[in-house]
Amino acid sequence: TVSAVLDDHHHGAAPLSVWLPAGLGAQEALIESDPKRFFRPPYVGPSGWVGVVLDTRPDWSQVAWLVEQAYRQVAHPRLVAMLGPGGKR
C-alpha cells in the first residue's frame, strides 16, 4: 500500500511535491486554506489525495504530520498501533 508519492517534475509538472492520501474532507480543507501550497494531484486527486508543494519553503513539521496521517490512513492497524496515539495537529 502506498502512503506517499514524490513528484519530481514528472511529465513536466511545475512544483516539486509529495502526493498523500487524505482523510474525508481533508483535501478540500487543505486546498481551500492555502491553494498555493496544496492542490488536487492528477490521477489520484479524485480519490481524495492531496498534493503538497515542497519547493517553496514548506512548514516541514506540517509536512511530517501530513505524511504520518497519510501512513495512518493506509497502514495495517497493527502497524498504526505501534505509532501510538495520533492526535490532531
C-alpha atoms as a PDB file:
ATOM      1  CA  THR A   1       0.000   0.000   0.000  1.00  0.00           C
ATOM      2  CA  VAL A   2       1.331   3.422  -0.946  1.00  0.00           C
ATOM      3  CA  SER A   3       1.231   6.250   1.587  1.00  0.00           C
ATOM      4  CA  ALA A   4       3.166   8.905  -0.358  1.00  0.00           C
ATOM      5  CA  VAL A   5       4.340   9.656  -3.892  1.00  0.00           C
ATOM      6  CA  LEU A   6       7.117  12.123  -4.699  1.00  0.00           C
ATOM      7  CA  ASP A   7       6.539  14.085  -7.914  1.00  0.00           C
ATOM      8  CA  ASP A   8       9.912  15.409  -9.032  1.00  0.00           C
ATOM      9  CA  HIS A   9       8.624  17.282 -12.080  1.00  0.00           C
ATOM     10  CA  HIS A  10       7.357  14.078 -13.719  1.00  0.00           C
ATOM     11  CA  HIS A  11       5.881  14.777 -17.162  1.00  0.00           C
ATOM     12  CA  GLY A  12       6.741  18.464 -16.776  1.00  0.00           C
ATOM     13  CA  ALA A  13       4.848  19.072 -13.528  1.00  0.00           C
ATOM     14  CA  ALA A  14       5.748  22.521 -12.237  1.00  0.00           C
ATOM     15  CA  PRO A  15       6.167  22.067  -8.473  1.00  0.00           C
ATOM     16  CA  LEU A  16       8.288  19.545  -6.639  1.00  0.00           C
ATOM     17  CA  SER A  17       5.628  17.926  -4.486  1.00  0.00           C
ATOM     18  CA  VAL A  18       4.510  14.969  -2.467  1.00  0.00           C
ATOM     19  CA  TRP A  19       1.080  13.405  -3.005  1.00  0.00           C
ATOM     20  CA  LEU A  20      -0.642  11.960   0.050  1.00  0.00           C
ATOM     21  CA  PRO A  21      -3.909  10.168   0.748  1.00  0.00           C
ATOM     22  CA  ALA A  22      -6.030  12.406   2.936  1.00  0.00           C
ATOM     23  CA  GLY A  23      -8.953  11.772   5.239  1.00  0.00           C
ATOM     24  CA  LEU A  24     -12.509  12.568   4.282  1.00  0.00           C
ATOM     25  CA  GLY A  25     -12.821  16.312   3.672  1.00  0.00           C
ATOM     26  CA  ALA A  26      -9.133  16.992   4.319  1.00  0.00           C
ATOM     27  CA  GLN A  27      -8.205  17.502   0.672  1.00  0.00           C
ATOM     28  CA  GLU A  28     -10.781  20.246   0.209  1.00  0.00           C
ATOM     29  CA  ALA A  29      -9.950  21.898   3.540  1.00  0.00           C
ATOM     30  CA  LEU A  30      -6.216  21.988   2.828  1.00  0.00           C
ATOM     31  CA  ILE A  31      -6.623  23.332  -0.700  1.00  0.00           C
ATOM     32  CA  GLU A  32      -9.067  25.964   0.489  1.00  0.00           C
ATOM     33  CA  SER A  33      -6.752  27.010   3.340  1.00  0.00           C
ATOM     34  CA  ASP A  34      -3.696  27.532   1.105  1.00  0.00           C
ATOM     35  CA  PRO A  35      -4.158  26.928  -2.646  1.00  0.00           C
ATOM     36  CA  LYS A  36      -0.528  27.876  -3.348  1.00  0.00           C
ATOM     37  CA  ARG A  37       0.711  25.092  -1.042  1.00  0.00           C
ATOM     38  CA  PHE A  38      -1.932  22.365  -1.603  1.00  0.00           C
ATOM     39  CA  PHE A  39      -3.538  21.050  -4.780  1.00  0.00           C
ATOM     40  CA  ARG A  40      -5.532  18.155  -6.215  1.00  0.00           C
ATOM     41  CA  PRO A  41      -2.962  15.946  -7.950  1.00  0.00           C
ATOM     42  CA  PRO A  42      -3.687  14.273 -11.271  1.00  0.00           C
ATOM     43  CA  TYR A  43      -4.705  10.605 -11.307  1.00  0.00           C
ATOM     44  CA  VAL A  44      -5.176  10.216  -7.535  1.00  0.00           C
ATOM     45  CA  GLY A  45      -6.807  13.554  -6.693  1.00  0.00           C
ATOM     46  CA  PRO A  46     -10.336  12.295  -7.380  1.00  0.00           C
ATOM     47  CA  SER A  47      -9.688   9.589  -4.754  1.00  0.00           C
ATOM     48  CA  GLY A  48      -9.050  12.216  -2.069  1.00  0.00           C
ATOM     49  CA  TRP A  49      -5.290  12.530  -2.282  1.00  0.00           C
ATOM     50  CA  VAL A  50      -3.735  15.965  -1.774  1.00  0.00           C
ATOM     51  CA  GLY A  51      -0.584  17.394  -3.325  1.00  0.00           C
ATOM     52  CA  VAL A  52       1.806  19.364  -1.107  1.00  0.00           C
ATOM     53  CA  VAL A  53       4.241  21.757  -2.820  1.00  0.00           C
ATOM     54  CA  LEU A  54       7.749  21.249  -1.418  1.00  0.00           C
ATOM     55  CA  ASP A  55       9.952  23.669  -3.338  1.00  0.00           C
ATOM     56  CA  THR A  56       8.663  26.910  -1.804  1.00  0.00           C
ATOM     57  CA  ARG A  57       9.854  26.659   1.818  1.00  0.00           C
ATOM     58  CA  PRO A  58       7.118  24.498   3.335  1.00  0.00           C
ATOM     59  CA  ASP A  59       6.414  24.133   7.020  1.00  0.00           C
ATOM     60  CA  TRP A  60       8.291  20.853   7.420  1.00  0.00           C
ATOM     61  CA  SER A  61       6.571  19.988  10.692  1.00  0.00           C
ATOM     62  CA  GLN A  62       3.234  20.248   8.867  1.00  0.00           C
ATOM     63  CA  VAL A  63       4.558  18.104   6.006  1.00  0.00           C
ATOM     64  CA  ALA A  64       5.784  15.488   8.503  1.00  0.00           C
ATOM     65  CA  TRP A  65       2.396  15.467  10.224  1.00  0.00           C
ATOM     66  CA  LEU A  66       0.571  15.073   6.892  1.00  0.00           C
ATOM     67  CA  VAL A  67       2.878  12.195   5.889  1.00  0.00           C
ATOM     68  CA  GLU A  68       2.198  10.478   9.222  1.00  0.00           C
ATOM     69  CA  GLN A  69      -1.549  10.937   8.797  1.00  0.00           C
ATOM     70  CA  ALA A  70      -1.336   9.511   5.269  1.00  0.00           C
ATOM     71  CA  TYR A  71       0.501   6.460   6.611  1.00  0.00           C
ATOM     72  CA  ARG A  72      -2.132   6.018   9.307  1.00  0.00           C
ATOM     73  CA  GLN A  73      -4.781   6.042   6.547  1.00  0.00           C
ATOM     74  CA  VAL A  74      -3.308   3.121   4.632  1.00  0.00           C
ATOM     75  CA  ALA A  75      -1.187   1.069   7.033  1.00  0.00           C
ATOM     76  CA  HIS A  76      -2.380  -2.115   8.684  1.00  0.00           C
ATOM     77  CA  PRO A  77      -3.959  -1.358  12.092  1.00  0.00           C
ATOM     78  CA  ARG A  78      -1.235  -3.384  13.830  1.00  0.00           C
ATOM     79  CA  LEU A  79       1.424  -1.064  12.348  1.00  0.00           C
ATOM     80  CA  VAL A  80      -0.577   2.054  13.192  1.00  0.00           C
ATOM     81  CA  ALA A  81      -0.888   0.852  16.794  1.00  0.00           C
ATOM     82  CA  MET A  82       2.920   0.738  17.003  1.00  0.00           C
ATOM     83  CA  LEU A  83       2.991   4.500  16.338  1.00  0.00           C
ATOM     84  CA  GLY A  84       0.921   5.288  19.379  1.00  0.00           C
ATOM     85  CA  PRO A  85      -1.863   7.848  19.535  1.00  0.00           C
ATOM     86  CA  GLY A  86      -2.207  10.126  16.533  1.00  0.00           C
ATOM     87  CA  GLY A  87      -3.501  13.341  17.961  1.00  0.00           C
ATOM     88  CA  LYS A  88      -4.665  16.252  15.913  1.00  0.00           C
ATOM     89  CA  ARG A  89      -2.233  18.971  14.949  1.00  0.00           C
END
